Amino acid sequence: MDYFNIGKIVNTHGIKGAVKILPLTDDPKRFELLKQVFIEHRGKVDAYTIDHIKYFKNMVIIQFKEVEDMDQAEALKQAIIKIPRELALPLEEHEYYVQDLIGVVVNTEEGQQLGKIKDIIFTGSNDVYVVQKEGKKEILIPALKTCIKQVNMEDKTMTVVLMKGLIEE
């Protein structure tokens, strides 16, 4: 099954087994649309049922039916919260799921291959694609319409216009 990572358990919350989750999604409220999630921990992926959800600062606090005390919650620290791809929120035009962009080959309009997207930095104002070619320095490309000219998810390619100074000659 193809999963999307939507959160990471970073700590326990209280004595009844709730967990503090760092959301890895644009919309933390999306947890409210779920009845069940999958937790990947120590090489296993298990289903957990959401009992209730709260928010505290930038964290999501979830009580799972299967977690009854703080010791069980403690054992889940650093685990990744996942959902099946079919439960992912629908995309708007020119939006892409992060994990689908990883590995996309980035080329300039002139046909120069810059490398592959290896990571995405979320800055708040716009995302930044981290592009790397074997043996070369990373290139940071802002995810702006002025820079990103075309994305072809079938071919796993992206065509960009480089702003001056983005790559060292």
N, C-alpha and C. Protein backbone atom coordinates (compact mmCIF):
# COMPACT_ATOMS: atom_id res chain seq x y z
N MET A 1 0.85 -1.18 0.00
CA MET A 1 0.00 0.00 0.00
C MET A 1 0.89 1.24 0.00
N ASP A 2 0.46 2.27 -0.72
CA ASP A 2 1.19 3.53 -0.83
C ASP A 2 0.69 4.47 0.25
N TYR A 3 1.58 4.90 1.16
CA TYR A 3 1.20 5.76 2.27
C TYR A 3 1.78 7.15 2.12
N PHE A 4 1.10 8.13 2.72
CA PHE A 4 1.61 9.48 2.87
C PHE A 4 1.91 9.71 4.34
N ASN A 5 3.03 10.33 4.64
CA ASN A 5 3.36 10.71 6.01
C ASN A 5 2.65 12.02 6.32
N ILE A 6 1.87 12.04 7.40
CA ILE A 6 1.15 13.27 7.74
C ILE A 6 1.53 13.81 9.12
N GLY A 7 2.35 13.06 9.86
CA GLY A 7 2.75 13.55 11.17
C GLY A 7 3.82 12.68 11.80
N LYS A 8 4.43 13.24 12.85
CA LYS A 8 5.45 12.50 13.61
C LYS A 8 5.14 12.67 15.09
N ILE A 9 5.10 11.56 15.82
CA ILE A 9 4.86 11.62 17.26
C ILE A 9 6.13 12.09 17.94
N VAL A 10 6.04 13.24 18.62
CA VAL A 10 7.23 13.82 19.23
C VAL A 10 7.25 13.71 20.75
N ASN A 11 6.07 13.45 21.36
CA ASN A 11 6.05 13.35 22.81
C ASN A 11 4.72 12.80 23.29
N THR A 12 4.65 12.56 24.58
CA THR A 12 3.39 12.15 25.20
C THR A 12 2.68 13.42 25.67
N HIS A 13 1.40 13.27 26.03
CA HIS A 13 0.63 14.41 26.54
C HIS A 13 -0.31 13.88 27.62
N GLY A 14 -0.01 14.22 28.86
CA GLY A 14 -0.86 13.78 29.96
C GLY A 14 -0.60 12.33 30.34
N ILE A 15 -1.42 11.82 31.27
CA ILE A 15 -1.19 10.47 31.80
C ILE A 15 -2.10 9.41 31.17
N LYS A 16 -3.03 9.82 30.31
CA LYS A 16 -3.98 8.86 29.75
C LYS A 16 -3.55 8.29 28.41
N GLY A 17 -2.33 8.64 27.96
CA GLY A 17 -1.82 8.03 26.74
C GLY A 17 -1.96 8.85 25.48
N ALA A 18 -2.34 10.12 25.59
CA ALA A 18 -2.40 10.96 24.40
C ALA A 18 -0.98 11.23 23.90
N VAL A 19 -0.86 11.53 22.61
CA VAL A 19 0.45 11.82 22.02
C VAL A 19 0.43 13.18 21.35
N LYS A 20 1.59 13.85 21.37
CA LYS A 20 1.79 15.13 20.70
C LYS A 20 2.38 14.84 19.33
N ILE A 21 1.75 15.38 18.31
CA ILE A 21 2.16 15.11 16.93
C ILE A 21 2.57 16.40 16.23
N LEU A 22 3.74 16.35 15.60
CA LEU A 22 4.17 17.44 14.73
C LEU A 22 3.56 17.16 13.36
N PRO A 23 2.63 18.02 12.89
CA PRO A 23 2.00 17.74 11.59
C PRO A 23 2.99 17.91 10.44
N LEU A 24 2.93 16.99 9.48
CA LEU A 24 3.76 17.06 8.28
C LEU A 24 2.85 17.30 7.08
N THR A 25 1.83 18.10 7.28
CA THR A 25 0.83 18.36 6.26
C THR A 25 0.53 19.85 6.25
N ASP A 26 0.10 20.37 5.10
CA ASP A 26 -0.22 21.80 4.99
C ASP A 26 -1.37 22.18 5.92
N ASP A 27 -2.28 21.24 6.15
CA ASP A 27 -3.49 21.54 6.90
C ASP A 27 -3.63 20.60 8.10
N PRO A 28 -3.15 21.02 9.28
CA PRO A 28 -3.25 20.15 10.46
C PRO A 28 -4.67 19.74 10.81
N LYS A 29 -5.66 20.55 10.42
CA LYS A 29 -7.07 20.21 10.69
C LYS A 29 -7.51 18.98 9.91
N ARG A 30 -6.68 18.53 8.95
CA ARG A 30 -7.04 17.37 8.15
C ARG A 30 -7.16 16.11 9.01
N PHE A 31 -6.53 16.10 10.21
CA PHE A 31 -6.65 14.96 11.10
C PHE A 31 -8.11 14.73 11.50
N GLU A 32 -8.89 15.81 11.54
CA GLU A 32 -10.30 15.70 11.92
C GLU A 32 -11.11 14.91 10.91
N LEU A 33 -10.62 14.77 9.70
CA LEU A 33 -11.34 14.03 8.66
C LEU A 33 -11.07 12.52 8.74
N LEU A 34 -10.21 12.12 9.66
CA LEU A 34 -9.79 10.72 9.74
C LEU A 34 -10.40 10.02 10.95
N LYS A 35 -10.75 8.76 10.75
CA LYS A 35 -11.18 7.92 11.86
C LYS A 35 -10.04 7.02 12.31
N GLN A 36 -9.15 6.72 11.37
CA GLN A 36 -8.06 5.79 11.62
C GLN A 36 -6.81 6.26 10.88
N VAL A 37 -5.64 6.00 11.48
CA VAL A 37 -4.36 6.27 10.82
C VAL A 37 -3.49 5.04 10.99
N PHE A 38 -2.37 5.04 10.32
CA PHE A 38 -1.40 3.96 10.47
C PHE A 38 -0.15 4.57 11.09
N ILE A 39 0.43 3.85 12.03
CA ILE A 39 1.63 4.32 12.70
C ILE A 39 2.77 3.37 12.37
N GLU A 40 3.84 3.95 11.79
CA GLU A 40 5.03 3.17 11.47
C GLU A 40 6.04 3.37 12.59
N HIS A 41 6.38 2.24 13.22
CA HIS A 41 7.30 2.32 14.35
C HIS A 41 8.06 1.01 14.46
N ARG A 42 9.36 1.12 14.55
CA ARG A 42 10.24 -0.05 14.69
C ARG A 42 9.99 -1.09 13.58
N GLY A 43 9.85 -0.59 12.35
CA GLY A 43 9.72 -1.48 11.20
C GLY A 43 8.35 -2.07 10.97
N LYS A 44 7.38 -1.73 11.80
CA LYS A 44 6.01 -2.24 11.65
C LYS A 44 5.06 -1.09 11.37
N VAL A 45 3.98 -1.39 10.64
CA VAL A 45 2.93 -0.41 10.40
C VAL A 45 1.63 -1.00 10.94
N ASP A 46 1.04 -0.31 11.94
CA ASP A 46 -0.19 -0.80 12.56
C ASP A 46 -1.27 0.28 12.49
N ALA A 47 -2.53 -0.16 12.42
CA ALA A 47 -3.68 0.75 12.39
C ALA A 47 -4.01 1.19 13.81
N TYR A 48 -4.34 2.47 13.95
CA TYR A 48 -4.78 3.05 15.22
C TYR A 48 -6.04 3.86 14.98
N THR A 49 -6.98 3.76 15.90
CA THR A 49 -8.26 4.46 15.79
C THR A 49 -8.19 5.76 16.60
N ILE A 50 -8.59 6.85 15.98
CA ILE A 50 -8.57 8.15 16.65
C ILE A 50 -9.78 8.25 17.57
N ASP A 51 -9.53 8.55 18.85
CA ASP A 51 -10.60 8.73 19.82
C ASP A 51 -11.00 10.20 19.89
N HIS A 52 -10.02 11.08 20.11
CA HIS A 52 -10.29 12.51 20.04
C HIS A 52 -9.01 13.30 19.72
N ILE A 53 -9.24 14.55 19.26
CA ILE A 53 -8.15 15.41 18.77
C ILE A 53 -8.27 16.78 19.43
N LYS A 54 -7.12 17.35 19.81
CA LYS A 54 -7.03 18.74 20.27
C LYS A 54 -5.83 19.37 19.58
N TYR A 55 -5.73 20.68 19.73
CA TYR A 55 -4.61 21.41 19.15
C TYR A 55 -3.95 22.23 20.25
N PHE A 56 -2.64 22.27 20.23
CA PHE A 56 -1.89 23.08 21.19
C PHE A 56 -0.72 23.69 20.45
N LYS A 57 -0.73 25.02 20.32
CA LYS A 57 0.28 25.74 19.55
C LYS A 57 0.34 25.14 18.14
N ASN A 58 1.50 24.67 17.71
CA ASN A 58 1.61 24.11 16.36
C ASN A 58 1.51 22.58 16.36
N MET A 59 1.06 22.01 17.46
CA MET A 59 0.98 20.55 17.60
C MET A 59 -0.46 20.05 17.55
N VAL A 60 -0.59 18.79 17.13
CA VAL A 60 -1.88 18.10 17.17
C VAL A 60 -1.77 17.08 18.30
N ILE A 61 -2.74 17.06 19.17
CA ILE A 61 -2.75 16.10 20.28
C ILE A 61 -3.86 15.11 20.02
N ILE A 62 -3.48 13.83 19.95
CA ILE A 62 -4.45 12.78 19.62
C ILE A 62 -4.44 11.70 20.70
N GLN A 63 -5.64 11.29 21.06
CA GLN A 63 -5.81 10.12 21.93
C GLN A 63 -6.27 8.98 21.01
N PHE A 64 -5.50 7.91 20.98
CA PHE A 64 -5.88 6.73 20.20
C PHE A 64 -6.56 5.73 21.12
N LYS A 65 -7.58 5.04 20.60
CA LYS A 65 -8.29 4.03 21.40
C LYS A 65 -7.36 2.92 21.87
N GLU A 66 -6.36 2.60 21.08
CA GLU A 66 -5.45 1.50 21.39
C GLU A 66 -4.37 1.86 22.41
N VAL A 67 -4.24 3.14 22.73
CA VAL A 67 -3.20 3.59 23.66
C VAL A 67 -3.88 4.04 24.95
N GLU A 68 -3.64 3.27 26.03
CA GLU A 68 -4.41 3.48 27.26
C GLU A 68 -3.65 4.21 28.36
N ASP A 69 -2.32 4.32 28.26
CA ASP A 69 -1.58 5.00 29.33
C ASP A 69 -0.32 5.65 28.77
N MET A 70 0.34 6.38 29.65
CA MET A 70 1.52 7.14 29.24
C MET A 70 2.67 6.22 28.79
N ASP A 71 2.80 5.04 29.38
CA ASP A 71 3.87 4.11 28.98
C ASP A 71 3.69 3.67 27.52
N GLN A 72 2.45 3.35 27.15
CA GLN A 72 2.19 2.95 25.76
C GLN A 72 2.45 4.13 24.81
N ALA A 73 2.07 5.33 25.23
CA ALA A 73 2.31 6.52 24.41
C ALA A 73 3.81 6.78 24.28
N GLU A 74 4.53 6.63 25.36
CA GLU A 74 5.99 6.83 25.37
C GLU A 74 6.67 5.91 24.35
N ALA A 75 6.17 4.70 24.23
CA ALA A 75 6.75 3.72 23.31
C ALA A 75 6.57 4.12 21.84
N LEU A 76 5.67 5.06 21.58
CA LEU A 76 5.41 5.50 20.20
C LEU A 76 6.20 6.75 19.80
N LYS A 77 7.00 7.29 20.71
CA LYS A 77 7.77 8.49 20.37
C LYS A 77 8.63 8.24 19.13
N GLN A 78 8.68 9.25 18.27
CA GLN A 78 9.43 9.24 17.01
C GLN A 78 8.75 8.43 15.90
N ALA A 79 7.59 7.85 16.19
CA ALA A 79 6.87 7.09 15.16
C ALA A 79 6.26 8.06 14.14
N ILE A 80 6.03 7.56 12.94
CA ILE A 80 5.47 8.35 11.84
C ILE A 80 4.00 7.98 11.65
N ILE A 81 3.15 9.01 11.54
CA ILE A 81 1.73 8.83 11.29
C ILE A 81 1.54 8.82 9.77
N LYS A 82 0.84 7.80 9.26
CA LYS A 82 0.66 7.64 7.82
C LYS A 82 -0.82 7.44 7.50
N ILE A 83 -1.17 7.78 6.27
CA ILE A 83 -2.49 7.45 5.75
C ILE A 83 -2.32 6.88 4.35
N PRO A 84 -3.26 6.03 3.92
CA PRO A 84 -3.20 5.54 2.54
C PRO A 84 -3.38 6.69 1.55
N ARG A 85 -2.74 6.59 0.39
CA ARG A 85 -2.82 7.64 -0.64
C ARG A 85 -4.25 8.04 -0.95
N GLU A 86 -5.17 7.09 -0.97
CA GLU A 86 -6.55 7.42 -1.36
C GLU A 86 -7.26 8.31 -0.34
N LEU A 87 -6.70 8.44 0.87
CA LEU A 87 -7.28 9.33 1.87
C LEU A 87 -6.64 10.72 1.87
N ALA A 88 -5.67 10.94 1.00
CA ALA A 88 -5.01 12.25 0.93
C ALA A 88 -6.00 13.29 0.42
N LEU A 89 -5.82 14.52 0.87
CA LEU A 89 -6.69 15.59 0.42
C LEU A 89 -6.49 15.82 -1.07
N PRO A 90 -7.57 16.15 -1.78
CA PRO A 90 -7.43 16.39 -3.22
C PRO A 90 -6.57 17.62 -3.48
N LEU A 91 -5.90 17.61 -4.61
CA LEU A 91 -4.99 18.69 -4.98
C LEU A 91 -5.68 19.72 -5.86
N GLU A 92 -5.26 20.96 -5.73
CA GLU A 92 -5.68 22.01 -6.65
C GLU A 92 -4.78 21.91 -7.90
N GLU A 93 -5.11 22.67 -8.93
CA GLU A 93 -4.26 22.70 -10.11
C GLU A 93 -2.89 23.24 -9.73
N HIS A 94 -1.85 22.67 -10.28
CA HIS A 94 -0.45 23.03 -10.02
C HIS A 94 -0.02 22.77 -8.58
N GLU A 95 -0.68 21.84 -7.90
CA GLU A 95 -0.25 21.36 -6.60
C GLU A 95 0.17 19.91 -6.75
N TYR A 96 1.15 19.50 -5.94
CA TYR A 96 1.68 18.14 -6.02
C TYR A 96 1.94 17.64 -4.62
N TYR A 97 1.80 16.34 -4.44
CA TYR A 97 2.16 15.76 -3.16
C TYR A 97 3.68 15.75 -3.05
N VAL A 98 4.19 16.11 -1.87
CA VAL A 98 5.63 16.21 -1.64
C VAL A 98 6.34 14.94 -2.07
N GLN A 99 5.85 13.79 -1.64
CA GLN A 99 6.59 12.56 -1.94
C GLN A 99 6.59 12.24 -3.44
N ASP A 100 5.65 12.80 -4.20
CA ASP A 100 5.66 12.58 -5.65
C ASP A 100 6.73 13.45 -6.33
N LEU A 101 7.10 14.56 -5.70
CA LEU A 101 8.12 15.44 -6.29
C LEU A 101 9.54 14.96 -6.02
N ILE A 102 9.74 14.20 -4.96
CA ILE A 102 11.08 13.70 -4.66
C ILE A 102 11.52 12.77 -5.80
N GLY A 103 12.70 13.05 -6.35
CA GLY A 103 13.21 12.24 -7.46
C GLY A 103 12.91 12.80 -8.84
N VAL A 104 12.09 13.86 -8.91
CA VAL A 104 11.78 14.47 -10.21
C VAL A 104 13.05 15.10 -10.77
N VAL A 105 13.31 14.88 -12.06
CA VAL A 105 14.48 15.43 -12.74
C VAL A 105 14.19 16.88 -13.14
N VAL A 106 15.11 17.78 -12.77
CA VAL A 106 14.93 19.21 -13.02
C VAL A 106 15.86 19.65 -14.14
N ASN A 107 15.27 20.29 -15.16
CA ASN A 107 16.02 20.78 -16.32
C ASN A 107 15.74 22.26 -16.51
N THR A 108 16.71 22.97 -17.10
CA THR A 108 16.47 24.37 -17.47
C THR A 108 15.71 24.39 -18.79
N GLU A 109 15.20 25.55 -19.14
CA GLU A 109 14.50 25.69 -20.44
C GLU A 109 15.44 25.38 -21.60
N GLU A 110 16.75 25.59 -21.38
CA GLU A 110 17.74 25.32 -22.42
C GLU A 110 18.10 23.83 -22.50
N GLY A 111 17.55 23.02 -21.60
CA GLY A 111 17.80 21.58 -21.63
C GLY A 111 18.93 21.10 -20.73
N GLN A 112 19.51 22.00 -19.94
CA GLN A 112 20.58 21.59 -19.01
C GLN A 112 19.96 20.86 -17.82
N GLN A 113 20.45 19.64 -17.56
CA GLN A 113 19.94 18.90 -16.41
C GLN A 113 20.64 19.40 -15.15
N LEU A 114 19.81 19.84 -14.17
CA LEU A 114 20.35 20.38 -12.92
C LEU A 114 20.47 19.31 -11.85
N GLY A 115 19.71 18.23 -11.98
CA GLY A 115 19.72 17.17 -10.99
C GLY A 115 18.31 16.74 -10.65
N LYS A 116 18.16 16.11 -9.49
CA LYS A 116 16.85 15.62 -9.04
C LYS A 116 16.47 16.30 -7.74
N ILE A 117 15.15 16.46 -7.55
CA ILE A 117 14.67 17.01 -6.28
C ILE A 117 14.92 15.98 -5.20
N LYS A 118 15.68 16.39 -4.17
CA LYS A 118 15.97 15.44 -3.09
C LYS A 118 15.26 15.81 -1.80
N ASP A 119 14.77 17.07 -1.72
CA ASP A 119 14.07 17.50 -0.51
C ASP A 119 13.28 18.76 -0.85
N ILE A 120 12.35 19.10 0.03
CA ILE A 120 11.57 20.31 -0.12
C ILE A 120 11.60 21.03 1.22
N ILE A 121 11.94 22.32 1.19
CA ILE A 121 11.97 23.14 2.40
C ILE A 121 10.70 23.97 2.43
N PHE A 122 10.00 23.91 3.55
CA PHE A 122 8.76 24.67 3.71
C PHE A 122 9.09 25.95 4.48
N THR A 123 9.03 27.09 3.79
CA THR A 123 9.46 28.35 4.40
C THR A 123 8.30 29.16 4.98
N GLY A 124 7.08 28.82 4.63
CA GLY A 124 5.94 29.60 5.06
C GLY A 124 5.41 30.44 3.91
N SER A 125 6.30 31.17 3.23
CA SER A 125 5.83 31.98 2.11
C SER A 125 5.76 31.15 0.82
N ASN A 126 6.82 30.44 0.51
CA ASN A 126 6.80 29.53 -0.65
C ASN A 126 7.74 28.37 -0.35
N ASP A 127 7.47 27.24 -0.97
CA ASP A 127 8.35 26.09 -0.80
C ASP A 127 9.62 26.33 -1.60
N VAL A 128 10.67 25.60 -1.23
CA VAL A 128 11.94 25.67 -1.95
C VAL A 128 12.36 24.23 -2.26
N TYR A 129 12.63 23.96 -3.55
CA TYR A 129 13.05 22.63 -3.96
C TYR A 129 14.57 22.53 -3.84
N VAL A 130 15.04 21.48 -3.17
CA VAL A 130 16.47 21.22 -3.04
C VAL A 130 16.82 20.23 -4.16
N VAL A 131 17.63 20.70 -5.12
CA VAL A 131 17.98 19.91 -6.30
C VAL A 131 19.45 19.56 -6.21
N GLN A 132 19.76 18.29 -6.47
CA GLN A 132 21.17 17.89 -6.42
C GLN A 132 21.49 16.95 -7.57
N LYS A 133 22.65 17.18 -8.14
CA LYS A 133 23.21 16.31 -9.17
C LYS A 133 24.44 15.67 -8.56
N GLU A 134 24.64 14.40 -8.85
CA GLU A 134 25.77 13.64 -8.32
C GLU A 134 27.07 14.44 -8.44
N GLY A 135 27.76 14.62 -7.32
CA GLY A 135 29.05 15.30 -7.32
C GLY A 135 28.98 16.81 -7.40
N LYS A 136 27.79 17.39 -7.41
CA LYS A 136 27.64 18.85 -7.51
C LYS A 136 27.02 19.40 -6.24
N LYS A 137 27.12 20.71 -6.05
CA LYS A 137 26.49 21.37 -4.91
C LYS A 137 24.98 21.41 -5.11
N GLU A 138 24.26 21.47 -4.00
CA GLU A 138 22.80 21.60 -4.06
C GLU A 138 22.43 22.94 -4.67
N ILE A 139 21.30 22.94 -5.36
CA ILE A 139 20.73 24.17 -5.89
C ILE A 139 19.37 24.33 -5.22
N LEU A 140 19.08 25.52 -4.70
CA LEU A 140 17.80 25.80 -4.08
C LEU A 140 16.95 26.59 -5.07
N ILE A 141 15.81 26.02 -5.44
CA ILE A 141 14.94 26.66 -6.42
C ILE A 141 13.60 26.98 -5.77
N PRO A 142 13.24 28.27 -5.71
CA PRO A 142 11.96 28.62 -5.12
C PRO A 142 10.80 28.10 -5.96
N ALA A 143 9.78 27.58 -5.30
CA ALA A 143 8.61 27.04 -6.00
C ALA A 143 7.67 28.19 -6.33
N LEU A 144 8.09 29.00 -7.28
CA LEU A 144 7.31 30.15 -7.72
C LEU A 144 6.99 29.99 -9.20
N LYS A 145 5.85 30.54 -9.63
CA LYS A 145 5.46 30.43 -11.04
C LYS A 145 6.49 31.07 -11.96
N THR A 146 7.22 32.06 -11.46
CA THR A 146 8.25 32.71 -12.28
C THR A 146 9.44 31.79 -12.51
N CYS A 147 9.65 30.81 -11.62
CA CYS A 147 10.78 29.88 -11.75
C CYS A 147 10.36 28.53 -12.35
N ILE A 148 9.24 28.01 -11.93
CA ILE A 148 8.79 26.68 -12.35
C ILE A 148 7.91 26.84 -13.58
N LYS A 149 8.41 26.44 -14.73
CA LYS A 149 7.68 26.63 -15.98
C LYS A 149 6.78 25.45 -16.32
N GLN A 150 7.22 24.24 -16.00
CA GLN A 150 6.40 23.07 -16.34
C GLN A 150 6.77 21.92 -15.41
N VAL A 151 5.73 21.19 -15.01
CA VAL A 151 5.93 19.96 -14.24
C VAL A 151 5.18 18.86 -14.97
N ASN A 152 5.90 17.80 -15.31
CA ASN A 152 5.29 16.66 -15.98
C ASN A 152 5.43 15.45 -15.05
N MET A 153 4.35 15.13 -14.34
CA MET A 153 4.43 14.04 -13.37
C MET A 153 4.49 12.67 -14.04
N GLU A 154 4.02 12.56 -15.28
CA GLU A 154 4.11 11.28 -15.99
C GLU A 154 5.56 10.96 -16.31
N ASP A 155 6.32 11.97 -16.78
CA ASP A 155 7.73 11.78 -17.12
C ASP A 155 8.64 12.01 -15.91
N LYS A 156 8.07 12.50 -14.79
CA LYS A 156 8.84 12.85 -13.58
C LYS A 156 9.91 13.88 -13.93
N THR A 157 9.50 14.96 -14.67
CA THR A 157 10.42 16.03 -15.03
C THR A 157 9.82 17.39 -14.67
N MET A 158 10.72 18.35 -14.46
CA MET A 158 10.33 19.73 -14.18
C MET A 158 11.24 20.63 -15.00
N THR A 159 10.65 21.65 -15.62
CA THR A 159 11.42 22.63 -16.37
C THR A 159 11.39 23.94 -15.59
N VAL A 160 12.59 24.52 -15.40
CA VAL A 160 12.69 25.73 -14.59
C VAL A 160 13.44 26.83 -15.32
N VAL A 161 13.22 28.06 -14.88
CA VAL A 161 14.01 29.22 -15.29
C VAL A 161 14.83 29.59 -14.07
N LEU A 162 16.14 29.61 -14.21
CA LEU A 162 17.01 29.94 -13.08
C LEU A 162 17.17 31.44 -12.93
N MET A 163 16.97 31.92 -11.71
CA MET A 163 17.26 33.32 -11.42
C MET A 163 18.78 33.47 -11.35
N LYS A 164 19.27 34.66 -11.66
CA LYS A 164 20.72 34.91 -11.59
C LYS A 164 21.22 34.60 -10.18
N GLY A 165 22.37 33.95 -10.10
CA GLY A 165 22.98 33.68 -8.82
C GLY A 165 22.56 32.38 -8.15
N LEU A 166 21.61 31.66 -8.73
CA LEU A 166 21.16 30.42 -8.11
C LEU A 166 22.21 29.30 -8.23
N ILE A 167 22.96 29.32 -9.33
CA ILE A 167 24.03 28.32 -9.44
C ILE A 167 25.35 29.05 -9.70
N GLU A 168 26.39 28.47 -9.11
CA GLU A 168 27.72 29.05 -9.30
C GLU A 168 28.31 28.51 -10.59
N GLU A 169 28.82 29.42 -11.37
CA GLU A 169 29.42 29.00 -12.65
C GLU A 169 30.81 28.47 -12.44
